[in-house]
C-alpha cells in the first residue's frame, strides 16, 4: 500500500513539474517572440545659431495632402505651411546667398518632399505628443539630403491642421 502511494505521489509530482515547465517555456517563448514596440523617436534639437543668423525662407501657399491610411481605415488630410531656416552666418553667407535662389527655383521640389513625408504618416502618428517635432525633423533631414547641404538648419511649421 505504501509502495502504491509513493508511486502515485511521484507521478503527481512529475505531472506538476511537467506542467510548470510547459507554462514557463510558453512565457519564455512569448517573451522572446514578442513583436517590437514602435520606437519613440527622440529628437535632439541644438540651436547653436542666433536667430539673427537665420534667414526665414517661406515656401509659399499651404500644402494640403492625404495621410497614410491608418488602423481606423479612414481617410485623413493634413494642411500645413512650412518655412525653412537658412544659416546666413558670416562664415557661410556666400554659400547661403547661392542656396536661396536655388531653393526659390526648386519650390516645387521642396513641396514634393514635404508631401512625401506627410503622406508617409498616419493620423494616429500625427496625434502623438512629439509628432510636430518628429515631422519637422524628418522634413529637415529630407531637405538637407535632397539639396546636399547643412545650410538648411530648421523647418518651421507655421500652421498645421489635421483632419
N, C-alpha and C. Protein backbone atom coordinates (compact mmCIF):
# COMPACT_ATOMS: atom_id res chain seq x y z
N UNK A 1 0.81 -1.18 0.00
CA UNK A 1 0.00 0.00 0.00
C UNK A 1 0.87 1.27 0.00
N UNK A 2 1.92 1.29 0.87
CA UNK A 2 2.80 2.43 0.91
C UNK A 2 3.54 2.58 -0.43
N UNK A 3 3.87 1.45 -1.05
CA UNK A 3 4.57 1.47 -2.33
C UNK A 3 3.70 2.13 -3.41
N UNK A 4 2.40 1.78 -3.43
CA UNK A 4 1.49 2.38 -4.40
C UNK A 4 1.31 3.87 -4.15
N UNK A 5 1.20 4.25 -2.89
CA UNK A 5 1.03 5.65 -2.53
C UNK A 5 2.27 6.46 -2.93
N UNK A 6 3.43 5.88 -2.72
CA UNK A 6 4.68 6.53 -3.12
C UNK A 6 4.76 6.71 -4.63
N UNK A 7 4.34 5.69 -5.39
CA UNK A 7 4.35 5.78 -6.86
C UNK A 7 3.38 6.86 -7.35
N UNK A 8 2.21 6.91 -6.73
CA UNK A 8 1.21 7.92 -7.12
C UNK A 8 1.75 9.31 -6.83
N UNK A 9 2.38 9.48 -5.67
CA UNK A 9 2.96 10.77 -5.29
C UNK A 9 4.05 11.20 -6.28
N UNK A 10 4.90 10.28 -6.68
CA UNK A 10 5.96 10.57 -7.66
C UNK A 10 5.35 10.96 -9.01
N UNK A 11 4.33 10.25 -9.44
CA UNK A 11 3.67 10.55 -10.72
C UNK A 11 3.02 11.93 -10.67
N UNK A 12 2.35 12.25 -9.58
CA UNK A 12 1.72 13.57 -9.42
C UNK A 12 2.77 14.66 -9.45
N UNK A 13 3.88 14.47 -8.75
CA UNK A 13 4.95 15.46 -8.75
C UNK A 13 5.54 15.64 -10.16
N UNK A 14 5.73 14.55 -10.87
CA UNK A 14 6.24 14.65 -12.24
C UNK A 14 5.28 15.39 -13.15
N UNK A 15 3.99 15.15 -13.01
CA UNK A 15 2.99 15.84 -13.83
C UNK A 15 3.00 17.34 -13.50
N UNK A 16 3.05 17.68 -12.20
CA UNK A 16 3.09 19.09 -11.79
C UNK A 16 4.35 19.75 -12.34
N UNK A 17 5.49 19.10 -12.22
CA UNK A 17 6.73 19.66 -12.76
C UNK A 17 6.66 19.83 -14.27
N UNK A 18 6.05 18.88 -14.96
CA UNK A 18 5.89 18.98 -16.40
C UNK A 18 5.00 20.16 -16.77
N UNK A 19 3.93 20.34 -16.03
CA UNK A 19 3.03 21.48 -16.28
C UNK A 19 3.76 22.80 -16.02
N UNK A 20 4.48 22.88 -14.90
CA UNK A 20 5.25 24.11 -14.61
C UNK A 20 6.29 24.39 -15.70
N UNK A 21 6.97 23.35 -16.15
CA UNK A 21 7.94 23.51 -17.24
C UNK A 21 7.25 24.03 -18.50
N UNK A 22 6.11 23.48 -18.85
CA UNK A 22 5.38 23.90 -20.05
C UNK A 22 4.93 25.35 -19.94
N UNK A 23 4.41 25.74 -18.78
CA UNK A 23 3.98 27.12 -18.57
C UNK A 23 5.18 28.07 -18.66
N UNK A 24 6.26 27.71 -18.00
CA UNK A 24 7.47 28.54 -18.06
C UNK A 24 8.01 28.66 -19.47
N UNK A 25 8.05 27.57 -20.19
CA UNK A 25 8.53 27.59 -21.57
C UNK A 25 7.62 28.47 -22.44
N UNK A 26 6.31 28.40 -22.23
CA UNK A 26 5.36 29.22 -23.00
C UNK A 26 5.61 30.70 -22.76
N UNK A 27 5.77 31.10 -21.50
CA UNK A 27 6.04 32.51 -21.20
C UNK A 27 7.36 32.96 -21.80
N UNK A 28 8.38 32.13 -21.71
CA UNK A 28 9.67 32.46 -22.27
C UNK A 28 9.59 32.59 -23.79
N UNK A 29 8.89 31.68 -24.44
CA UNK A 29 8.73 31.72 -25.88
C UNK A 29 7.99 33.00 -26.32
N UNK A 30 6.93 33.34 -25.60
CA UNK A 30 6.18 34.55 -25.94
C UNK A 30 7.01 35.80 -25.71
N UNK A 31 7.80 35.82 -24.64
CA UNK A 31 8.64 36.98 -24.35
C UNK A 31 9.72 37.16 -25.41
N UNK A 32 10.28 36.06 -25.90
CA UNK A 32 11.34 36.15 -26.91
C UNK A 32 10.79 36.50 -28.28
N UNK A 33 9.56 36.14 -28.57
CA UNK A 33 8.98 36.39 -29.88
C UNK A 33 7.96 37.52 -29.85
N UNK A 34 8.07 38.36 -28.84
CA UNK A 34 7.16 39.49 -28.70
C UNK A 34 7.44 40.47 -29.83
N UNK A 35 6.39 40.96 -30.53
CA UNK A 35 6.63 41.93 -31.59
C UNK A 35 7.23 43.20 -31.01
N UNK A 36 8.11 43.80 -31.78
CA UNK A 36 8.78 45.01 -31.31
C UNK A 36 7.77 46.13 -31.18
N UNK A 37 7.88 46.86 -30.09
CA UNK A 37 7.03 48.01 -29.90
C UNK A 37 7.56 49.14 -30.76
N UNK A 38 6.67 50.00 -31.24
CA UNK A 38 7.15 51.11 -32.05
C UNK A 38 8.16 51.94 -31.27
N UNK A 39 9.21 52.31 -31.96
CA UNK A 39 10.24 53.09 -31.30
C UNK A 39 9.78 54.53 -31.18
N UNK A 40 10.09 55.11 -30.06
CA UNK A 40 9.79 56.52 -29.86
C UNK A 40 10.96 57.30 -30.43
N UNK A 41 10.65 58.17 -31.36
CA UNK A 41 11.71 58.97 -31.96
C UNK A 41 12.15 60.05 -30.99
N UNK A 42 13.43 60.06 -30.70
CA UNK A 42 13.95 61.10 -29.83
C UNK A 42 14.57 62.16 -30.70
N UNK A 43 14.16 63.36 -30.46
CA UNK A 43 14.66 64.49 -31.23
C UNK A 43 15.56 65.32 -30.32
N UNK A 44 16.76 65.52 -30.76
CA UNK A 44 17.67 66.38 -30.02
C UNK A 44 17.86 67.63 -30.87
N UNK A 45 17.37 68.73 -30.35
CA UNK A 45 17.45 69.98 -31.09
C UNK A 45 18.52 70.85 -30.43
N UNK A 46 19.50 71.19 -31.22
CA UNK A 46 20.54 72.07 -30.73
C UNK A 46 20.56 73.30 -31.61
N UNK A 47 20.10 74.39 -31.07
CA UNK A 47 20.08 75.65 -31.81
C UNK A 47 21.36 76.38 -31.43
N UNK A 48 22.39 76.25 -32.24
CA UNK A 48 23.65 76.90 -31.93
C UNK A 48 23.76 78.25 -32.62
N UNK A 49 22.88 78.51 -33.56
CA UNK A 49 22.91 79.78 -34.27
C UNK A 49 21.95 80.77 -33.62
N UNK A 50 22.38 82.00 -33.47
CA UNK A 50 21.41 83.00 -33.03
C UNK A 50 20.39 83.24 -34.15
N UNK A 51 19.20 83.62 -33.76
CA UNK A 51 18.14 83.85 -34.75
C UNK A 51 18.53 84.91 -35.78
N UNK A 52 19.40 85.83 -35.40
CA UNK A 52 19.83 86.87 -36.34
C UNK A 52 20.64 86.30 -37.50
N UNK A 53 21.18 85.09 -37.34
CA UNK A 53 21.95 84.45 -38.41
C UNK A 53 21.12 83.51 -39.27
N UNK A 54 19.82 83.48 -39.05
CA UNK A 54 18.96 82.57 -39.79
C UNK A 54 18.00 83.38 -40.67
N UNK A 55 18.00 83.04 -41.96
CA UNK A 55 17.06 83.65 -42.91
C UNK A 55 15.81 82.78 -42.94
N UNK A 56 14.65 83.42 -42.86
CA UNK A 56 13.39 82.69 -42.98
C UNK A 56 13.02 82.61 -44.46
N UNK A 57 12.86 81.40 -44.97
CA UNK A 57 12.52 81.19 -46.37
C UNK A 57 11.16 80.51 -46.47
N UNK A 58 10.08 81.29 -46.70
CA UNK A 58 8.75 80.67 -46.84
C UNK A 58 8.64 79.96 -48.18
N UNK A 59 7.96 78.82 -48.19
CA UNK A 59 7.85 78.08 -49.45
C UNK A 59 6.55 78.38 -50.19
N UNK A 60 5.71 79.24 -49.64
CA UNK A 60 4.50 79.64 -50.37
C UNK A 60 3.23 79.18 -49.70
N UNK A 61 2.24 78.92 -50.54
CA UNK A 61 0.91 78.56 -50.07
C UNK A 61 0.94 77.30 -49.21
N UNK A 62 -0.05 77.17 -48.33
CA UNK A 62 -0.13 75.95 -47.51
C UNK A 62 -0.25 74.70 -48.39
N UNK A 63 0.26 73.60 -47.87
CA UNK A 63 0.21 72.31 -48.55
C UNK A 63 -0.93 71.50 -47.95
N UNK A 64 -1.76 70.91 -48.80
CA UNK A 64 -2.84 70.03 -48.35
C UNK A 64 -2.62 68.68 -49.03
N UNK A 65 -2.56 67.62 -48.24
CA UNK A 65 -2.35 66.29 -48.81
C UNK A 65 -2.98 65.22 -47.92
N UNK A 66 -3.20 64.07 -48.50
CA UNK A 66 -3.74 62.93 -47.75
C UNK A 66 -2.66 62.34 -46.86
N UNK A 67 -3.11 61.73 -45.77
CA UNK A 67 -2.22 60.98 -44.91
C UNK A 67 -2.32 59.50 -45.25
N UNK A 68 -1.35 58.75 -44.79
CA UNK A 68 -1.37 57.30 -44.96
C UNK A 68 -2.55 56.74 -44.17
N UNK A 69 -3.27 55.80 -44.76
CA UNK A 69 -4.41 55.20 -44.07
C UNK A 69 -3.92 54.41 -42.87
N UNK A 70 -4.52 54.67 -41.73
CA UNK A 70 -4.09 54.02 -40.50
C UNK A 70 -5.04 52.92 -40.08
N UNK A 71 -4.93 52.52 -38.83
CA UNK A 71 -5.75 51.43 -38.31
C UNK A 71 -7.25 51.72 -38.33
N UNK A 72 -7.62 53.00 -38.31
CA UNK A 72 -9.05 53.33 -38.31
C UNK A 72 -9.69 53.20 -39.69
N UNK A 73 -8.87 52.95 -40.71
CA UNK A 73 -9.34 52.74 -42.10
C UNK A 73 -10.11 53.95 -42.65
N UNK A 74 -9.85 55.14 -42.10
CA UNK A 74 -10.50 56.36 -42.58
C UNK A 74 -9.46 57.21 -43.30
N UNK A 75 -9.96 58.04 -44.19
CA UNK A 75 -9.06 58.96 -44.90
C UNK A 75 -8.92 60.24 -44.09
N UNK A 76 -7.68 60.68 -43.97
CA UNK A 76 -7.39 61.90 -43.24
C UNK A 76 -6.51 62.78 -44.11
N UNK A 77 -6.57 64.09 -43.87
CA UNK A 77 -5.73 65.03 -44.61
C UNK A 77 -4.97 65.91 -43.62
N UNK A 78 -3.90 66.48 -44.13
CA UNK A 78 -3.11 67.43 -43.37
C UNK A 78 -2.96 68.70 -44.20
N UNK A 79 -3.05 69.82 -43.53
CA UNK A 79 -2.80 71.11 -44.17
C UNK A 79 -1.72 71.78 -43.33
N UNK A 80 -0.64 72.19 -43.98
CA UNK A 80 0.42 72.85 -43.24
C UNK A 80 1.15 73.86 -44.09
N UNK A 81 1.65 74.87 -43.43
CA UNK A 81 2.50 75.87 -44.05
C UNK A 81 3.89 75.70 -43.46
N UNK A 82 4.88 75.69 -44.32
CA UNK A 82 6.25 75.46 -43.87
C UNK A 82 7.15 76.57 -44.37
N UNK A 83 8.06 76.98 -43.51
CA UNK A 83 9.15 77.89 -43.87
C UNK A 83 10.45 77.20 -43.49
N UNK A 84 11.49 77.56 -44.19
CA UNK A 84 12.80 76.97 -43.89
C UNK A 84 13.69 78.01 -43.24
N UNK A 85 14.52 77.55 -42.32
CA UNK A 85 15.53 78.41 -41.72
C UNK A 85 16.86 78.13 -42.38
N UNK A 86 17.45 79.16 -42.97
CA UNK A 86 18.71 79.03 -43.71
C UNK A 86 19.82 79.72 -42.90
N UNK A 87 20.92 79.02 -42.69
CA UNK A 87 22.07 79.58 -42.00
C UNK A 87 22.69 80.67 -42.86
N UNK A 88 22.70 81.89 -42.33
CA UNK A 88 23.29 83.02 -43.05
C UNK A 88 24.36 83.70 -42.20
N UNK A 89 25.06 82.91 -41.39
CA UNK A 89 26.11 83.49 -40.55
C UNK A 89 27.25 83.98 -41.45
N UNK A 90 28.10 84.79 -40.89
CA UNK A 90 29.19 85.39 -41.67
C UNK A 90 30.06 84.34 -42.35
N UNK A 91 30.26 83.19 -41.69
CA UNK A 91 31.12 82.14 -42.24
C UNK A 91 30.57 81.57 -43.55
N UNK A 92 29.26 81.50 -43.67
CA UNK A 92 28.66 80.80 -44.82
C UNK A 92 27.72 81.69 -45.63
N UNK A 93 27.80 83.00 -45.44
CA UNK A 93 26.84 83.89 -46.11
C UNK A 93 26.93 83.82 -47.63
N UNK A 94 28.13 83.58 -48.19
CA UNK A 94 28.25 83.44 -49.65
C UNK A 94 27.51 82.20 -50.14
N UNK A 95 27.71 81.07 -49.41
CA UNK A 95 27.03 79.83 -49.78
C UNK A 95 25.52 79.98 -49.62
N UNK A 96 25.10 80.64 -48.56
CA UNK A 96 23.66 80.86 -48.33
C UNK A 96 23.09 81.74 -49.44
N UNK A 97 23.88 82.72 -49.87
CA UNK A 97 23.44 83.59 -50.97
C UNK A 97 23.22 82.83 -52.26
N UNK A 98 23.95 81.74 -52.45
CA UNK A 98 23.76 80.89 -53.64
C UNK A 98 22.61 79.91 -53.44
N UNK A 99 22.40 79.47 -52.19
CA UNK A 99 21.37 78.48 -51.91
C UNK A 99 19.97 79.05 -52.05
N UNK A 100 19.76 80.28 -51.59
CA UNK A 100 18.41 80.87 -51.60
C UNK A 100 17.81 80.91 -53.01
N UNK A 101 18.54 81.38 -54.04
CA UNK A 101 17.95 81.35 -55.38
C UNK A 101 17.67 79.92 -55.87
N UNK A 102 18.53 78.98 -55.47
CA UNK A 102 18.29 77.58 -55.83
C UNK A 102 16.99 77.09 -55.21
N UNK A 103 16.79 77.38 -53.93
CA UNK A 103 15.56 76.98 -53.26
C UNK A 103 14.35 77.66 -53.88
N UNK A 104 14.50 78.91 -54.23
CA UNK A 104 13.40 79.66 -54.86
C UNK A 104 12.99 78.99 -56.17
N UNK A 105 13.99 78.56 -56.94
CA UNK A 105 13.70 77.91 -58.23
C UNK A 105 13.17 76.49 -58.04
N UNK A 106 13.42 75.89 -56.88
CA UNK A 106 13.04 74.50 -56.63
C UNK A 106 11.90 74.36 -55.62
N UNK A 107 11.05 75.35 -55.51
CA UNK A 107 9.95 75.29 -54.54
C UNK A 107 9.05 74.08 -54.77
N UNK A 108 8.86 73.72 -56.03
CA UNK A 108 8.00 72.55 -56.29
C UNK A 108 8.66 71.27 -55.77
N UNK A 109 9.99 71.20 -55.82
CA UNK A 109 10.71 70.04 -55.28
C UNK A 109 10.57 70.02 -53.76
N UNK A 110 10.71 71.18 -53.14
CA UNK A 110 10.58 71.28 -51.68
C UNK A 110 9.18 70.82 -51.26
N UNK A 111 8.16 71.30 -51.95
CA UNK A 111 6.78 70.92 -51.64
C UNK A 111 6.58 69.42 -51.84
N UNK A 112 7.15 68.87 -52.89
CA UNK A 112 7.03 67.44 -53.15
C UNK A 112 7.65 66.61 -52.03
N UNK A 113 8.79 67.04 -51.54
CA UNK A 113 9.45 66.34 -50.43
C UNK A 113 8.58 66.41 -49.18
N UNK A 114 8.03 67.57 -48.89
CA UNK A 114 7.17 67.73 -47.71
C UNK A 114 5.92 66.87 -47.84
N UNK A 115 5.33 66.84 -49.03
CA UNK A 115 4.16 65.99 -49.28
C UNK A 115 4.52 64.53 -49.06
N UNK A 116 5.68 64.12 -49.56
CA UNK A 116 6.11 62.73 -49.38
C UNK A 116 6.26 62.35 -47.91
N UNK A 117 6.82 63.25 -47.12
CA UNK A 117 6.97 62.99 -45.69
C UNK A 117 5.59 62.89 -45.03
N UNK A 118 4.71 63.82 -45.36
CA UNK A 118 3.36 63.83 -44.75
C UNK A 118 2.56 62.60 -45.14
N UNK A 119 2.67 62.19 -46.39
CA UNK A 119 1.89 61.04 -46.86
C UNK A 119 2.38 59.72 -46.27
N UNK A 120 3.55 59.74 -45.66
CA UNK A 120 4.07 58.53 -45.01
C UNK A 120 3.62 58.43 -43.55
N UNK A 121 2.86 59.41 -43.10
CA UNK A 121 2.41 59.46 -41.71
C UNK A 121 0.92 59.13 -41.63
N UNK A 122 0.53 58.48 -40.54
CA UNK A 122 -0.89 58.22 -40.29
C UNK A 122 -1.43 59.28 -39.34
N UNK A 123 -2.74 59.37 -39.31
CA UNK A 123 -3.43 60.28 -38.39
C UNK A 123 -3.00 60.01 -36.96
N UNK A 124 -2.89 58.74 -36.61
CA UNK A 124 -2.52 58.34 -35.26
C UNK A 124 -1.09 58.80 -34.92
N UNK A 125 -0.18 58.67 -35.88
CA UNK A 125 1.20 59.11 -35.65
C UNK A 125 1.26 60.61 -35.41
N UNK A 126 0.46 61.36 -36.17
CA UNK A 126 0.50 62.81 -36.06
C UNK A 126 -0.26 63.34 -34.85
N UNK A 127 -0.93 62.47 -34.13
CA UNK A 127 -1.61 62.87 -32.90
C UNK A 127 -0.81 62.50 -31.66
N UNK A 128 0.41 62.03 -31.84
CA UNK A 128 1.29 61.71 -30.72
C UNK A 128 1.82 63.02 -30.12
N UNK A 129 2.30 62.95 -28.91
CA UNK A 129 2.78 64.13 -28.20
C UNK A 129 3.91 64.84 -28.94
N UNK A 130 4.87 64.09 -29.44
CA UNK A 130 6.04 64.68 -30.08
C UNK A 130 5.94 64.72 -31.60
N UNK A 131 4.74 64.57 -32.14
CA UNK A 131 4.57 64.43 -33.59
C UNK A 131 5.07 65.65 -34.37
N UNK A 132 4.80 66.82 -33.87
CA UNK A 132 5.22 68.03 -34.59
C UNK A 132 6.74 68.09 -34.70
N UNK A 133 7.43 67.81 -33.60
CA UNK A 133 8.89 67.84 -33.61
C UNK A 133 9.45 66.76 -34.53
N UNK A 134 8.85 65.57 -34.51
CA UNK A 134 9.29 64.49 -35.38
C UNK A 134 9.07 64.85 -36.85
N UNK A 135 7.92 65.42 -37.15
CA UNK A 135 7.61 65.83 -38.53
C UNK A 135 8.60 66.89 -39.00
N UNK A 136 8.85 67.89 -38.18
CA UNK A 136 9.80 68.94 -38.55
C UNK A 136 11.19 68.37 -38.81
N UNK A 137 11.62 67.46 -37.92
CA UNK A 137 12.96 66.87 -38.05
C UNK A 137 13.06 66.04 -39.33
N UNK A 138 12.02 65.26 -39.62
CA UNK A 138 12.06 64.43 -40.83
C UNK A 138 12.06 65.28 -42.09
N UNK A 139 11.26 66.34 -42.11
CA UNK A 139 11.25 67.26 -43.26
C UNK A 139 12.64 67.88 -43.42
N UNK A 140 13.22 68.34 -42.32
CA UNK A 140 14.55 68.96 -42.36
C UNK A 140 15.60 67.99 -42.92
N UNK A 141 15.62 66.77 -42.42
CA UNK A 141 16.61 65.79 -42.89
C UNK A 141 16.44 65.47 -44.36
N UNK A 142 15.20 65.32 -44.82
CA UNK A 142 14.96 65.01 -46.24
C UNK A 142 15.40 66.17 -47.13
N UNK A 143 15.16 67.41 -46.70
CA UNK A 143 15.58 68.56 -47.49
C UNK A 143 17.09 68.72 -47.51
N UNK A 144 17.73 68.50 -46.36
CA UNK A 144 19.19 68.56 -46.32
C UNK A 144 19.80 67.52 -47.25
N UNK A 145 19.21 66.35 -47.26
CA UNK A 145 19.69 65.28 -48.13
C UNK A 145 19.46 65.61 -49.60
N UNK A 146 18.28 66.09 -49.92
CA UNK A 146 17.94 66.39 -51.32
C UNK A 146 18.81 67.51 -51.90
N UNK A 147 19.05 68.54 -51.09
CA UNK A 147 19.83 69.68 -51.58
C UNK A 147 21.31 69.58 -51.21
N UNK A 148 21.68 68.47 -50.58
CA UNK A 148 23.06 68.20 -50.20
C UNK A 148 23.70 69.39 -49.49
N UNK A 149 23.02 69.85 -48.44
CA UNK A 149 23.52 70.99 -47.68
C UNK A 149 23.09 70.91 -46.23
N UNK A 150 23.93 71.44 -45.38
CA UNK A 150 23.60 71.59 -43.96
C UNK A 150 23.22 73.04 -43.66
N UNK A 151 23.13 73.86 -44.71
CA UNK A 151 22.74 75.25 -44.51
C UNK A 151 21.26 75.40 -44.18
N UNK A 152 20.46 74.41 -44.55
CA UNK A 152 19.06 74.41 -44.12
C UNK A 152 19.10 73.87 -42.69
N UNK A 153 18.84 74.75 -41.72
CA UNK A 153 19.03 74.38 -40.33
C UNK A 153 17.72 74.15 -39.57
N UNK A 154 16.60 74.51 -40.19
CA UNK A 154 15.32 74.36 -39.49
C UNK A 154 14.18 74.28 -40.49
N UNK A 155 13.18 73.52 -40.12
CA UNK A 155 11.91 73.50 -40.85
C UNK A 155 10.88 74.03 -39.87
N UNK A 156 10.33 75.20 -40.16
CA UNK A 156 9.33 75.80 -39.28
C UNK A 156 7.95 75.45 -39.81
N UNK A 157 7.08 74.97 -38.94
CA UNK A 157 5.70 74.72 -39.32
C UNK A 157 4.90 75.92 -38.82
N UNK A 158 4.50 76.74 -39.79
CA UNK A 158 3.81 77.99 -39.45
C UNK A 158 2.37 77.71 -39.01
N UNK A 159 1.71 76.78 -39.67
CA UNK A 159 0.36 76.36 -39.29
C UNK A 159 0.20 74.91 -39.64
N UNK A 160 -0.65 74.23 -38.89
CA UNK A 160 -0.90 72.82 -39.17
C UNK A 160 -2.32 72.50 -38.77
N UNK A 161 -2.98 71.76 -39.64
CA UNK A 161 -4.35 71.30 -39.38
C UNK A 161 -4.44 69.87 -39.87
N UNK A 162 -4.93 69.00 -39.00
CA UNK A 162 -5.06 67.58 -39.36
C UNK A 162 -6.51 67.18 -39.16
N UNK A 163 -7.10 66.57 -40.19
CA UNK A 163 -8.48 66.10 -40.09
C UNK A 163 -8.55 64.70 -40.63
